């Protein structure tokens, strides 16, 4: 009897101990959430976080729910899953969080969603709200990190629309970065990684945004980033490609072509390990441009050919990836259908349908009912594309009269006729896709006095020189997008490279100036109407 009683109590004690150690508790949930870091972005990580949130909900642990969903925000932002990001933000806001760190992050992520939807003013206001919440954060490092993030994103908002605001916010970001402590190893690494990023961004501003280009002001920032190669090699390795590409471009503009070639060769060598063909493409471009300036025609031809072949290869890969993504979505739906009850099938199919709609329609759906002007501009552009089969012919007499009317400089009819004929050949050759074309270069190419060239362009192209080149480039990419559906699957950054722009921001600005719509809007409408 005593033995049986002893066994009973032993069994009960063991069962109680087991139950206590496997029960859901706030402490247990906090411990699990603490295991997720900044790299928790995989599908498995997301599923685990969803399980923790579900467990927190079962015991009504509000902090666990909010913390879990905040970590989901990071995953969705990293994965560019804007649909889930938007829904999760709404769910967190419904819980009425009070932590200033959470509120700052929420507003930063809301700005990302609104920018993606084309709501630029709302996105900017979100960032301003995020700054106010960030200033209330008690932990100094957390405060400076969040403020640095906000100012960087505001700089991206202004990009080329307001150069003064762009550089002002990049310098505000740097001020916050400099105030980060270096006691904590993780914070120290983060600080110096941000310094490198900030240096490259400011260098790019002075080279690619401000007019005229200020290489003297760009140099200390580029060299500051490159110096990390010796002072902080572990930081350099994290951003090596961006540093090398930025410094390479700087040397190209500074006409130190051998140094540019050195940077480009290292980009290509590193790409063989990292396997990112976009970096290799940029390296080929730097090598082709440098050798062109050095009059190394053989090397120029070699790298131009490599550039063209890789570009064509990327085109083919991009086309295949579109079909591959759809196949993966269908496969995922089938797996979930096998694992879930029939009652969940509808939501799965809706999710798949929504994702595919984003691929095929994108931002246009958000603008359809909000902006009729964009729609009219799009249709006007399509009409112009369909009406290009009969270009106007200009006679010598018309040329002469028009030029005399629009400029005080007297230019002979033969000179005007010759210049326009050469310009026609230039337009047909697509050499306007070459980066960094200047009026002097163009005048030399046409073998015409630069002082004659500007009036001729103004009189007969109804534009200044920069506007003329921009129009040719934008017309080129519009035709490609209109005639070749494959181009509609490329990223805007790739399209910018394709038609000769140094950055996607400059390209987008030029595109909108010429068409009154953004490249994304045009692409998505083409997808929708074909």
Protein backbone atom coordinates (compact mmCIF):
# COMPACT_ATOMS: atom_id res chain seq x y z
CA UNK A 1 0.00 0.00 0.00
CA UNK A 2 2.78 2.45 0.99
CA UNK A 3 4.68 1.51 -2.15
CA UNK A 4 1.65 2.21 -4.33
CA UNK A 5 1.09 5.53 -2.57
CA UNK A 6 4.72 6.47 -3.09
CA UNK A 7 4.50 5.65 -6.81
CA UNK A 8 1.32 7.71 -7.10
CA UNK A 9 2.94 10.80 -5.55
CA UNK A 10 6.07 10.29 -7.67
CA UNK A 11 3.95 10.09 -10.82
CA UNK A 12 1.92 13.14 -9.81
CA UNK A 13 5.06 15.15 -9.03
CA UNK A 14 6.72 14.25 -12.31
CA UNK A 15 3.55 15.05 -14.25
CA UNK A 16 3.20 18.41 -12.46
CA UNK A 17 6.89 19.25 -13.10
CA UNK A 18 6.54 18.32 -16.79
CA UNK A 19 3.36 20.34 -17.18
CA UNK A 20 4.92 23.38 -15.51
CA UNK A 21 7.95 23.30 -17.77
CA UNK A 22 5.94 22.85 -20.98
CA UNK A 23 3.09 25.26 -20.26
CA UNK A 24 2.66 28.50 -22.15
CA UNK A 25 3.78 31.42 -20.01
CA UNK A 26 4.79 35.03 -20.64
CA UNK A 27 8.33 34.21 -19.59
CA UNK A 28 8.47 31.27 -22.00
CA UNK A 29 7.14 33.43 -24.84
CA UNK A 30 9.64 36.22 -24.12
CA UNK A 31 12.46 33.68 -24.20
CA UNK A 32 11.31 32.34 -27.55
CA UNK A 33 10.99 35.82 -29.06
CA UNK A 34 14.46 36.75 -27.82
CA UNK A 35 15.88 34.05 -30.11
CA UNK A 36 14.76 35.93 -33.23
CA UNK A 37 17.27 38.45 -34.52
CA UNK A 38 17.50 40.75 -37.54
CA UNK A 39 18.08 37.78 -39.86
CA UNK A 40 14.76 36.11 -39.02
CA UNK A 41 13.14 36.52 -42.42
CA UNK A 42 12.70 32.98 -43.74
CA UNK A 43 9.38 31.24 -44.24
CA UNK A 44 10.15 28.93 -41.30
CA UNK A 45 10.89 31.93 -39.07
CA UNK A 46 7.58 33.53 -40.03
CA UNK A 47 5.68 30.31 -39.22
CA UNK A 48 7.40 30.06 -35.82
CA UNK A 49 6.55 33.68 -35.04
CA UNK A 50 2.92 33.06 -36.00
CA UNK A 51 2.84 30.10 -33.56
CA UNK A 52 4.26 32.29 -30.77
CA UNK A 53 1.66 34.98 -31.51
CA UNK A 54 -1.08 32.33 -31.42
CA UNK A 55 0.21 31.05 -28.07
CA UNK A 56 0.32 34.64 -26.71
CA UNK A 57 -3.27 35.15 -27.85
CA UNK A 58 -4.41 32.00 -26.04
CA UNK A 59 -3.14 33.34 -22.71
CA UNK A 60 -4.10 36.93 -23.54
CA UNK A 61 -0.45 38.07 -23.33
CA UNK A 62 -0.62 41.43 -25.16
CA UNK A 63 3.13 42.15 -25.01
CA UNK A 64 3.90 38.79 -26.63
CA UNK A 65 1.39 39.46 -29.41
CA UNK A 66 2.80 42.93 -30.13
CA UNK A 67 6.46 41.86 -29.92
CA UNK A 68 5.79 38.88 -32.20
CA UNK A 69 3.98 40.98 -34.78
CA UNK A 70 6.73 43.64 -34.66
CA UNK A 71 9.25 40.95 -35.60
CA UNK A 72 6.94 39.89 -38.44
CA UNK A 73 7.10 43.47 -39.72
CA UNK A 74 10.86 43.16 -40.14
CA UNK A 75 10.47 39.91 -42.09
CA UNK A 76 7.77 41.33 -44.38
CA UNK A 77 9.75 44.52 -44.99
CA UNK A 78 12.90 42.57 -45.86
CA UNK A 79 10.94 40.25 -48.16
CA UNK A 80 9.05 43.20 -49.74
CA UNK A 81 5.74 41.51 -48.88
CA UNK A 82 3.77 44.76 -48.78
CA UNK A 83 0.34 43.11 -48.53
CA UNK A 84 1.23 41.25 -45.31
CA UNK A 85 3.14 44.30 -44.06
CA UNK A 86 0.06 46.51 -44.44
CA UNK A 87 -2.26 44.01 -42.72
CA UNK A 88 0.15 43.41 -39.82
CA UNK A 89 0.51 47.17 -39.22
CA UNK A 90 -3.28 47.44 -38.92
CA UNK A 91 -3.36 44.51 -36.46
CA UNK A 92 -0.67 46.08 -34.26
CA UNK A 93 -2.34 49.50 -34.28
CA UNK A 94 -5.61 47.85 -33.16
CA UNK A 95 -3.72 46.67 -30.04
CA UNK A 96 -2.88 50.32 -29.23
CA UNK A 97 0.86 49.98 -28.51
CA UNK A 98 2.45 52.63 -26.29
CA UNK A 99 6.16 51.81 -26.60
CA UNK A 100 7.89 54.62 -28.53
CA UNK A 101 10.25 52.19 -30.27
CA UNK A 102 7.26 50.26 -31.60
CA UNK A 103 5.47 53.45 -32.63
CA UNK A 104 8.55 54.73 -34.46
CA UNK A 105 8.97 51.43 -36.35
CA UNK A 106 5.24 51.30 -37.17
CA UNK A 107 5.38 54.74 -38.78
CA UNK A 108 8.56 53.91 -40.70
CA UNK A 109 6.89 50.77 -42.09
CA UNK A 110 3.70 52.70 -42.86
CA UNK A 111 5.81 55.10 -44.92
CA UNK A 112 7.17 52.12 -46.89
CA UNK A 113 3.64 50.86 -47.62
CA UNK A 114 2.35 54.30 -48.60
CA UNK A 115 5.35 54.98 -50.84
CA UNK A 116 4.77 51.64 -52.56
CA UNK A 117 1.13 52.64 -53.13
CA UNK A 118 2.21 55.98 -54.60
CA UNK A 119 0.97 58.01 -51.63
CA UNK A 120 4.07 60.20 -51.38
CA UNK A 121 2.69 62.89 -49.04
CA UNK A 122 1.33 60.31 -46.62
CA UNK A 123 4.67 58.48 -46.66
CA UNK A 124 6.52 61.70 -45.80
CA UNK A 125 4.12 62.45 -42.92
CA UNK A 126 4.64 58.91 -41.58
CA UNK A 127 8.39 59.57 -41.43
CA UNK A 128 7.89 62.89 -39.68
CA UNK A 129 5.71 61.12 -37.10
CA UNK A 130 8.38 58.43 -36.74
CA UNK A 131 10.96 61.14 -35.96
CA UNK A 132 8.78 62.54 -33.16
CA UNK A 133 8.34 59.08 -31.59
CA UNK A 134 12.07 58.35 -32.02
CA UNK A 135 12.99 61.49 -30.09
CA UNK A 136 11.00 60.14 -27.11
CA UNK A 137 12.93 56.85 -26.96
CA UNK A 138 14.90 56.70 -23.70
CA UNK A 139 17.69 54.39 -24.80
CA UNK A 140 20.21 56.69 -26.58
CA UNK A 141 21.43 54.12 -29.11
CA UNK A 142 17.90 53.04 -30.01
CA UNK A 143 16.94 56.70 -30.41
CA UNK A 144 19.88 57.56 -32.67
CA UNK A 145 19.43 54.41 -34.76
CA UNK A 146 15.76 55.12 -35.38
CA UNK A 147 16.39 58.79 -36.16
CA UNK A 148 19.21 57.84 -38.56
CA UNK A 149 16.84 55.45 -40.32
CA UNK A 150 14.14 58.14 -40.57
CA UNK A 151 16.45 60.77 -42.03
CA UNK A 152 17.84 58.29 -44.55
CA UNK A 153 14.32 57.41 -45.70
CA UNK A 154 13.34 61.08 -45.94
CA UNK A 155 16.42 61.62 -48.09
CA UNK A 156 15.19 58.79 -50.36
CA UNK A 157 11.77 60.46 -50.47
CA UNK A 158 13.25 63.73 -51.75
CA UNK A 159 15.86 61.98 -53.95
CA UNK A 160 16.19 64.13 -57.09
CA UNK A 161 13.05 66.20 -56.57
CA UNK A 162 14.79 68.45 -54.05
CA UNK A 163 18.60 68.10 -53.98
CA UNK A 164 18.96 70.51 -51.03
CA UNK A 165 16.54 68.47 -48.89
CA UNK A 166 18.26 65.27 -50.00
CA UNK A 167 21.71 66.29 -48.82
CA UNK A 168 20.33 68.01 -45.71
CA UNK A 169 18.70 64.76 -44.52
CA UNK A 170 21.75 62.66 -45.37
CA UNK A 171 23.82 64.97 -43.16
CA UNK A 172 21.21 64.78 -40.40
CA UNK A 173 21.47 61.01 -40.65
CA UNK A 174 25.25 61.25 -40.27
CA UNK A 175 24.87 63.40 -37.15
CA UNK A 176 22.72 60.70 -35.52
CA UNK A 177 25.09 57.92 -36.59
CA UNK A 178 28.07 59.72 -35.06
CA UNK A 179 26.29 59.81 -31.68
CA UNK A 180 25.97 56.02 -31.49
CA UNK A 181 28.14 54.47 -28.81
CA UNK A 182 30.78 51.82 -29.50
CA UNK A 183 30.62 50.01 -26.16
CA UNK A 184 28.27 47.32 -27.41
CA UNK A 185 30.00 45.30 -30.20
CA UNK A 186 26.76 44.92 -32.18
CA UNK A 187 26.04 48.65 -32.00
CA UNK A 188 29.63 49.41 -33.02
CA UNK A 189 29.32 47.22 -36.11
CA UNK A 190 25.95 48.77 -36.96
CA UNK A 191 27.40 52.28 -36.51
CA UNK A 192 30.29 51.76 -38.88
CA UNK A 193 28.12 49.94 -41.43
CA UNK A 194 25.83 52.98 -41.45
CA UNK A 195 28.81 55.33 -41.82
CA UNK A 196 29.91 53.44 -44.93
CA UNK A 197 26.39 53.56 -46.37
CA UNK A 198 26.09 57.28 -45.59
CA UNK A 199 29.49 58.03 -47.16
CA UNK A 200 28.54 56.27 -50.39
CA UNK A 201 25.14 58.03 -50.51
CA UNK A 202 26.66 61.48 -50.01
CA UNK A 203 29.40 60.71 -52.54
CA UNK A 204 26.73 59.65 -55.04
CA UNK A 205 24.87 62.89 -54.36
CA UNK A 206 27.84 65.05 -55.31
CA UNK A 207 28.58 62.93 -58.40
CA UNK A 208 25.11 62.07 -59.68
CA UNK A 209 22.65 64.65 -58.32
CA UNK A 210 24.13 68.09 -57.76
CA UNK A 211 24.76 70.17 -60.87
CA UNK A 212 27.46 70.85 -61.76
CA UNK A 213 29.14 67.70 -60.46
CA UNK A 214 31.33 68.30 -57.38
CA UNK A 215 34.05 65.68 -57.42
CA UNK A 216 36.04 67.66 -54.84
CA UNK A 217 33.21 67.34 -52.30
CA UNK A 218 32.49 63.71 -53.22
CA UNK A 219 36.08 62.54 -52.80
CA UNK A 220 36.37 62.55 -48.96
CA UNK A 221 33.15 60.52 -48.67
CA UNK A 222 34.15 57.91 -51.24
CA UNK A 223 37.66 57.68 -49.81
CA UNK A 224 36.23 57.54 -46.28
CA UNK A 225 34.19 54.48 -47.25
CA UNK A 226 37.13 52.88 -49.07
CA UNK A 227 39.42 53.47 -46.05
CA UNK A 228 37.43 50.82 -44.19
CA UNK A 229 39.31 48.28 -46.28
CA UNK A 230 42.27 48.71 -43.93
CA UNK A 231 40.72 50.19 -40.76
CA UNK A 232 37.65 47.91 -40.48
CA UNK A 233 38.04 45.08 -43.02
CA UNK A 234 35.06 43.17 -41.59
CA UNK A 235 32.82 46.21 -42.23
CA UNK A 236 34.31 46.72 -45.69
CA UNK A 237 33.49 43.13 -46.67
CA UNK A 238 29.80 43.64 -45.86
CA UNK A 239 29.51 46.55 -48.31
CA UNK A 240 32.45 45.82 -50.61
CA UNK A 241 30.50 45.75 -53.87
CA UNK A 242 28.72 49.07 -53.28
CA UNK A 243 31.97 50.72 -52.14
CA UNK A 244 33.95 49.44 -55.13
CA UNK A 245 31.24 50.42 -57.61
CA UNK A 246 30.87 53.89 -56.09
CA UNK A 247 34.63 54.52 -55.97
CA UNK A 248 34.98 53.08 -59.49
CA UNK A 249 32.38 55.52 -60.82
CA UNK A 250 34.14 58.36 -58.97
CA UNK A 251 37.48 57.52 -60.63
CA UNK A 252 35.77 57.34 -64.03
CA UNK A 253 34.34 60.84 -63.59
CA UNK A 254 37.70 62.08 -62.27
CA UNK A 255 39.34 60.65 -65.39
CA UNK A 256 41.62 58.39 -63.36
CA UNK A 257 40.77 55.53 -65.69
CA UNK A 258 43.40 53.03 -64.54
CA UNK A 259 42.08 53.25 -60.98
CA UNK A 260 38.55 52.84 -62.30
CA UNK A 261 39.67 49.71 -64.16
CA UNK A 262 41.23 48.41 -60.95
CA UNK A 263 37.95 48.84 -59.05
CA UNK A 264 35.93 47.29 -61.88
CA UNK A 265 38.21 44.25 -62.10
CA UNK A 266 37.83 43.66 -58.37
CA UNK A 267 34.04 43.90 -58.67
CA UNK A 268 34.12 41.22 -61.38
CA UNK A 269 36.52 39.02 -59.36
CA UNK A 270 34.35 39.26 -56.25
CA UNK A 271 31.21 38.58 -58.27
CA UNK A 272 32.60 35.17 -59.20
CA UNK A 273 32.31 34.29 -55.50
CA UNK A 274 29.16 36.23 -54.61
CA UNK A 275 27.35 35.32 -57.85
CA UNK A 276 25.36 38.48 -58.50
CA UNK A 277 25.41 39.19 -62.27
CA UNK A 278 24.11 42.74 -61.76
CA UNK A 279 27.45 43.63 -60.12
CA UNK A 280 29.32 41.99 -63.01
CA UNK A 281 27.25 44.01 -65.49
CA UNK A 282 28.25 47.24 -63.73
CA UNK A 283 31.89 46.14 -63.76
CA UNK A 284 31.75 45.50 -67.52
CA UNK A 285 30.23 48.93 -68.04
CA UNK A 286 33.00 50.68 -66.05
CA UNK A 287 35.64 48.75 -68.02
CA UNK A 288 34.03 49.54 -71.38
CA UNK A 289 33.73 53.27 -70.54
CA UNK A 290 37.27 53.53 -69.14
CA UNK A 291 38.84 51.80 -72.13
CA UNK A 292 36.82 53.98 -74.48
CA UNK A 293 38.31 57.07 -72.82
CA UNK A 294 41.79 55.53 -72.97
CA UNK A 295 41.30 54.78 -76.69
CA UNK A 296 41.84 51.06 -76.05
CA UNK A 297 39.43 50.03 -78.79
CA UNK A 298 40.17 46.31 -78.47
CA UNK A 299 39.45 46.26 -74.73
CA UNK A 300 36.45 48.54 -75.17
CA UNK A 301 34.98 46.19 -77.78
CA UNK A 302 35.65 43.18 -75.54
CA UNK A 303 33.83 44.58 -72.51
CA UNK A 304 31.05 46.13 -74.55
CA UNK A 305 30.38 42.68 -76.03
CA UNK A 306 30.51 41.04 -72.58
CA UNK A 307 28.13 43.70 -71.30
CA UNK A 308 25.70 43.11 -74.17
CA UNK A 309 25.79 39.32 -73.78
CA UNK A 310 25.24 39.46 -70.03
CA UNK A 311 22.44 41.96 -70.51
CA UNK A 312 20.75 39.61 -72.97
CA UNK A 313 21.26 36.69 -70.58
CA UNK A 314 19.67 38.62 -67.72
CA UNK A 315 16.73 39.38 -69.99
CA UNK A 316 16.17 35.69 -70.58
CA UNK A 317 16.56 34.81 -66.90
CA UNK A 318 14.09 37.50 -65.88
CA UNK A 319 11.52 36.08 -68.26
CA UNK A 320 11.95 32.57 -66.85
CA UNK A 321 11.80 33.82 -63.25
CA UNK A 322 8.33 35.24 -63.78
CA UNK A 323 6.99 31.82 -64.77
CA UNK A 324 8.99 30.18 -62.01
CA UNK A 325 7.47 32.42 -59.32
CA UNK A 326 3.96 31.56 -60.46
CA UNK A 327 4.82 27.83 -60.40
CA UNK A 328 6.17 28.16 -56.86
CA UNK A 329 3.00 29.88 -55.74
CA UNK A 330 0.86 27.11 -57.23
CA UNK A 331 3.04 24.43 -55.61
CA UNK A 332 2.78 26.16 -52.25
CA UNK A 333 -0.98 26.34 -52.60
CA UNK A 334 -1.17 22.59 -53.28
CA UNK A 335 0.93 21.78 -50.21
CA UNK A 336 -1.16 23.99 -47.98
CA UNK A 337 -4.31 22.45 -49.41
CA UNK A 338 -3.09 18.99 -48.33
CA UNK A 339 -2.23 20.20 -44.82
CA UNK A 340 -5.20 22.44 -44.12
CA UNK A 341 -8.92 21.80 -43.90
CA UNK A 342 -11.14 22.66 -46.82
CA UNK A 343 -12.37 25.68 -44.89
CA UNK A 344 -8.90 27.28 -45.34
CA UNK A 345 -8.73 26.67 -49.08
CA UNK A 346 -10.63 29.81 -49.93
CA UNK A 347 -8.22 32.06 -48.00
CA UNK A 348 -5.20 30.33 -49.57
CA UNK A 349 -6.55 30.84 -53.08
CA UNK A 350 -7.39 34.45 -52.29
CA UNK A 351 -3.82 34.98 -51.09
CA UNK A 352 -2.42 33.41 -54.25
CA UNK A 353 -4.79 35.44 -56.39
CA UNK A 354 -3.86 38.62 -54.58
CA UNK A 355 -0.16 37.98 -55.03
CA UNK A 356 -0.51 37.30 -58.74
CA UNK A 357 -2.60 40.44 -59.12
CA UNK A 358 0.23 42.42 -57.52
CA UNK A 359 2.64 40.96 -60.07
CA UNK A 360 0.38 41.74 -63.04
CA UNK A 361 -1.32 44.96 -61.98
CA UNK A 362 0.78 46.42 -59.16
CA UNK A 363 0.40 49.96 -58.04
CA UNK A 364 -2.00 50.87 -60.87
CA UNK A 365 -4.89 49.32 -58.92
CA UNK A 366 -4.40 51.87 -56.16
CA UNK A 367 -4.34 54.76 -58.59
CA UNK A 368 -7.22 53.71 -60.86
CA UNK A 369 -9.98 55.45 -58.94
CA UNK A 370 -7.82 58.19 -57.44
CA UNK A 371 -6.10 59.84 -60.37
CA UNK A 372 -7.84 60.21 -63.73
CA UNK A 373 -5.09 62.49 -64.94
CA UNK A 374 -2.57 59.63 -64.85
CA UNK A 375 -4.95 57.43 -66.81
CA UNK A 376 -5.44 60.13 -69.46
CA UNK A 377 -1.67 60.64 -69.72
CA UNK A 378 -1.18 56.92 -70.22
CA UNK A 379 -3.78 56.73 -73.01
CA UNK A 380 -2.31 59.83 -74.65
CA UNK A 381 1.12 58.17 -74.61
CA UNK A 382 -0.28 54.98 -76.17
CA UNK A 383 -1.95 57.04 -78.90
CA UNK A 384 1.39 58.69 -79.67
CA UNK A 385 3.09 55.27 -79.82
CA UNK A 386 0.45 54.01 -82.25
CA UNK A 387 0.81 57.13 -84.40
CA UNK A 388 4.57 57.01 -85.02
CA UNK A 389 4.46 55.39 -88.42
CA UNK A 390 4.48 58.70 -90.37
CA UNK A 391 7.21 61.04 -89.03
CA UNK A 392 7.12 64.59 -90.28
CA UNK A 393 9.64 65.63 -92.93
CA UNK A 394 11.27 69.07 -92.60
CA UNK A 395 12.45 70.84 -95.76
CA UNK A 396 15.54 73.00 -95.98
CA UNK A 397 13.42 76.11 -96.39
CA UNK A 398 11.40 75.32 -93.29
CA UNK A 399 14.59 74.63 -91.38
CA UNK A 400 16.09 77.97 -92.27
CA UNK A 401 13.01 80.02 -91.44
CA UNK A 402 12.40 78.24 -88.14
CA UNK A 403 15.98 78.64 -86.95
CA UNK A 404 16.07 82.35 -87.76
CA UNK A 405 12.80 82.82 -85.87
CA UNK A 406 13.94 81.05 -82.71
CA UNK A 407 17.57 82.18 -82.45
CA UNK A 408 19.56 85.35 -83.11
CA UNK A 409 22.53 83.31 -84.40
CA UNK A 410 22.64 83.13 -88.20
CA UNK A 411 23.39 79.60 -89.34
CA UNK A 412 23.64 78.53 -92.95
CA UNK A 413 21.01 76.22 -94.41
CA UNK A 414 23.69 73.66 -95.30
CA UNK A 415 24.97 73.60 -91.72
CA UNK A 416 21.47 73.12 -90.33
CA UNK A 417 20.58 70.45 -92.86
CA UNK A 418 23.86 68.60 -92.24
CA UNK A 419 23.44 68.80 -88.45
CA UNK A 420 19.87 67.49 -88.56
CA UNK A 421 20.86 64.66 -90.90
CA UNK A 422 23.66 63.64 -88.54
CA UNK A 423 21.31 63.92 -85.56
CA UNK A 424 18.89 61.62 -87.34
CA UNK A 425 21.65 59.05 -87.76
CA UNK A 426 22.66 59.56 -84.13
CA UNK A 427 19.09 58.86 -83.02
CA UNK A 428 18.90 55.74 -85.17
CA UNK A 429 22.23 54.44 -83.85
CA UNK A 430 20.98 54.64 -80.26
CA UNK A 431 24.29 56.14 -79.12
CA UNK A 432 22.26 58.43 -76.90
CA UNK A 433 22.16 55.45 -74.49
CA UNK A 434 25.80 56.14 -73.64
CA UNK A 435 26.14 57.53 -70.10
CA UNK A 436 27.31 61.07 -69.36
CA UNK A 437 26.83 62.55 -72.83
CA UNK A 438 27.77 66.25 -72.83
CA UNK A 439 27.05 69.03 -75.33
CA UNK A 440 30.77 69.21 -76.13
CA UNK A 441 30.95 65.47 -76.80
CA UNK A 442 27.85 65.65 -78.99
CA UNK A 443 29.17 68.61 -80.95
CA UNK A 444 32.44 66.76 -81.59
CA UNK A 445 30.49 63.65 -82.58
CA UNK A 446 28.44 65.65 -85.13
CA UNK A 447 31.50 67.69 -86.16
CA UNK A 448 29.68 70.96 -85.61
CA UNK A 449 30.46 74.12 -83.64
CA UNK A 450 28.86 73.82 -80.14
CA UNK A 451 27.48 77.38 -80.37
CA UNK A 452 25.44 76.32 -83.43
CA UNK A 453 24.28 73.05 -81.94
CA UNK A 454 22.23 74.43 -79.03
CA UNK A 455 20.13 76.79 -81.20
CA UNK A 456 19.50 74.03 -83.75
CA UNK A 457 18.32 71.65 -81.02
CA UNK A 458 16.16 74.38 -79.49
CA UNK A 459 14.63 75.37 -82.83
CA UNK A 460 14.01 71.93 -84.32
CA UNK A 461 13.70 69.64 -81.31
CA UNK A 462 11.82 72.14 -79.12
CA UNK A 463 14.19 71.37 -76.28
CA UNK A 464 17.52 72.19 -74.72
CA UNK A 465 20.36 69.69 -75.05
CA UNK A 466 19.64 67.76 -71.83
CA UNK A 467 15.93 67.66 -72.60
CA UNK A 468 16.68 66.37 -76.10
CA UNK A 469 18.86 63.50 -74.81
CA UNK A 470 16.35 62.67 -72.07
CA UNK A 471 13.53 62.56 -74.62
CA UNK A 472 15.49 60.17 -76.86
CA UNK A 473 16.26 57.88 -73.92
CA UNK A 474 12.73 57.88 -72.56
CA UNK A 475 11.26 57.34 -76.03
CA UNK A 476 13.64 54.40 -76.45
CA UNK A 477 12.63 52.69 -73.21
CA UNK A 478 8.93 53.43 -73.81
CA UNK A 479 9.15 51.68 -77.19
CA UNK A 480 10.94 48.72 -75.58
CA UNK A 481 8.30 48.43 -72.89
CA UNK A 482 5.48 48.82 -75.39
CA UNK A 483 6.82 46.40 -78.02
CA UNK A 484 8.58 43.80 -75.86
CA UNK A 485 6.61 42.37 -72.89
CA UNK A 486 9.81 40.94 -71.38
CA UNK A 487 10.97 44.46 -70.50
CA UNK A 488 7.88 44.91 -68.32
CA UNK A 489 9.23 42.31 -65.88
CA UNK A 490 12.51 44.17 -65.21
CA UNK A 491 13.18 46.32 -62.19
CA UNK A 492 13.22 50.10 -62.67
CA UNK A 493 16.92 50.14 -61.74
CA UNK A 494 17.65 47.78 -64.65
CA UNK A 495 15.61 49.91 -67.09
CA UNK A 496 17.55 52.99 -65.93
CA UNK A 497 20.86 51.26 -66.72
CA UNK A 498 19.49 50.10 -70.06
CA UNK A 499 18.77 53.62 -71.30
CA UNK A 500 21.87 55.34 -69.94
CA UNK A 501 20.93 56.77 -66.55
CA UNK A 502 23.28 56.68 -63.60
CA UNK A 503 20.52 55.94 -61.10
CA UNK A 504 16.87 54.79 -61.07
CA UNK A 505 15.84 58.04 -59.34
CA UNK A 506 17.14 60.23 -62.20
CA UNK A 507 15.51 57.87 -64.70
CA UNK A 508 12.14 57.97 -62.92
CA UNK A 509 12.26 61.77 -62.74
CA UNK A 510 13.06 62.08 -66.47
CA UNK A 511 10.36 59.54 -67.36
CA UNK A 512 7.72 61.42 -65.40
CA UNK A 513 8.79 64.77 -66.86
CA UNK A 514 8.41 63.43 -70.40
CA UNK A 515 5.21 61.42 -69.90
CA UNK A 516 3.56 62.81 -66.72
CA UNK A 517 3.43 59.26 -65.35
CA UNK A 518 5.95 57.08 -63.52
CA UNK A 519 7.68 54.07 -65.12
CA UNK A 520 5.88 51.73 -62.69
CA UNK A 521 2.48 53.13 -63.62
CA UNK A 522 3.19 52.78 -67.34
CA UNK A 523 4.48 49.20 -66.97
CA UNK A 524 1.58 48.01 -64.88
CA UNK A 525 -0.96 49.50 -67.29
CA UNK A 526 0.76 47.80 -70.20
CA UNK A 527 0.52 44.51 -68.32
CA UNK A 528 -3.12 45.07 -67.58
CA UNK A 529 -4.09 46.01 -71.13
CA UNK A 530 -2.22 43.27 -72.99
